Amino acid sequence: MAGRGRQSAARSHPGRRRTDVAAGARPRPTFAFARVAILTTLLLMAVYTAFAVQRIQSEPSGAAAASAALPGRAATQSLRFANLCDDYLL
């Protein structure tokens, strides 16, 4: 009885290994490339996440200062726009 995923003794070719490939033929597809690609992607995502978390933890005050200035800048821009519209309509 053949094991799972193995060729039976009756179907095997003597003197030829399963890994041998005929000239011009493609090798049998394996999942090794897919595993490496998935693990590489996960590693890249983990490194990216670690750098992002470190950046967020080290610079929280910079974002808060920029957010605090936004209402003043919005008021200034709205006054400039209102003056531009008044000049255009006159």
Protein backbone atom coordinates (compact mmCIF):
# COMPACT_ATOMS: atom_id res chain seq x y z
CA MET A 1 0.00 0.00 0.00
CA ALA A 2 1.48 3.33 -1.05
CA GLY A 3 1.85 6.11 1.47
CA ARG A 4 0.11 9.41 1.09
CA GLY A 5 1.63 11.48 -1.72
CA ARG A 6 4.06 8.73 -2.77
CA GLN A 7 4.13 6.76 -5.97
CA SER A 8 3.50 3.07 -5.76
CA ALA A 9 6.35 0.68 -6.49
CA ALA A 10 4.58 -0.55 -9.63
CA ARG A 11 4.45 2.95 -11.15
CA SER A 12 7.90 4.17 -10.23
CA HIS A 13 10.62 4.28 -12.84
CA PRO A 14 13.78 2.40 -11.87
CA GLY A 15 16.92 4.52 -11.78
CA ARG A 16 14.98 7.76 -11.88
CA ARG A 17 14.31 9.96 -8.90
CA ARG A 18 11.08 11.90 -8.42
CA THR A 19 13.02 15.16 -8.46
CA ASP A 20 14.55 14.51 -11.90
CA VAL A 21 13.05 16.65 -14.62
CA ALA A 22 13.18 15.96 -18.34
CA ALA A 23 14.99 18.51 -20.51
CA GLY A 24 12.70 21.40 -21.42
CA ALA A 25 10.02 20.40 -18.91
CA ARG A 26 9.00 22.47 -15.95
CA PRO A 27 9.82 21.17 -12.49
CA ARG A 28 6.92 20.04 -10.36
CA PRO A 29 5.30 22.97 -8.59
CA THR A 30 6.00 23.15 -4.90
CA PHE A 31 4.57 25.24 -2.14
CA ALA A 32 8.02 26.36 -1.03
CA PHE A 33 7.87 29.55 -3.09
CA ALA A 34 4.40 30.40 -1.80
CA ARG A 35 5.48 29.80 1.79
CA VAL A 36 8.57 31.98 1.39
CA ALA A 37 6.53 34.75 -0.26
CA ILE A 38 3.90 34.70 2.50
CA LEU A 39 6.46 34.63 5.30
CA THR A 40 8.45 37.45 3.68
CA THR A 41 5.31 39.55 3.40
CA LEU A 42 4.39 38.91 7.04
CA LEU A 43 7.91 39.81 8.16
CA LEU A 44 7.80 43.04 6.14
CA MET A 45 4.43 43.95 7.64
CA ALA A 46 5.70 43.25 11.16
CA VAL A 47 8.76 45.46 10.64
CA TYR A 48 6.62 48.23 9.15
CA THR A 49 4.18 48.03 12.06
CA ALA A 50 7.00 48.13 14.62
CA PHE A 51 8.45 51.28 13.03
CA ALA A 52 5.01 52.90 12.84
CA VAL A 53 4.27 52.17 16.51
CA GLN A 54 7.68 53.50 17.54
CA ARG A 55 7.11 56.67 15.51
CA ILE A 56 3.65 57.24 17.01
CA GLN A 57 4.93 56.75 20.54
CA SER A 58 7.91 59.06 20.10
CA GLU A 59 6.10 61.98 18.43
CA PRO A 60 2.63 62.40 19.95
CA SER A 61 3.13 66.08 20.86
CA GLY A 62 3.95 67.14 17.28
CA ALA A 63 0.57 66.06 16.00
CA ALA A 64 -1.23 67.69 18.93
CA ALA A 65 0.49 71.03 18.31
CA ALA A 66 -0.40 70.95 14.63
CA SER A 67 -4.01 70.09 15.46
CA ALA A 68 -4.25 72.97 17.92
CA ALA A 69 -3.27 75.47 15.21
CA LEU A 70 -5.91 74.32 12.72
CA PRO A 71 -8.88 76.39 14.01
CA GLY A 72 -6.86 79.59 13.82
CA ARG A 73 -5.67 78.82 10.32
CA ALA A 74 -9.22 78.00 9.23
CA ALA A 75 -10.50 81.32 10.56
CA THR A 76 -7.74 83.20 8.75
CA GLN A 77 -8.46 81.41 5.47
CA SER A 78 -12.20 82.08 5.75
CA LEU A 79 -11.58 85.81 6.31
CA ARG A 80 -9.27 85.94 3.29
CA PHE A 81 -11.89 84.19 1.18
CA ALA A 82 -14.63 86.56 2.41
CA ASN A 83 -12.48 89.59 1.55
CA LEU A 84 -11.73 88.13 -1.90
CA CYS A 85 -15.44 87.62 -2.54
CA ASP A 86 -16.24 91.17 -1.40
CA ASP A 87 -13.58 92.60 -3.73
CA TYR A 88 -14.89 90.52 -6.63
CA LEU A 89 -18.52 91.53 -6.13
CA LEU A 90 -17.77 95.25 -5.86
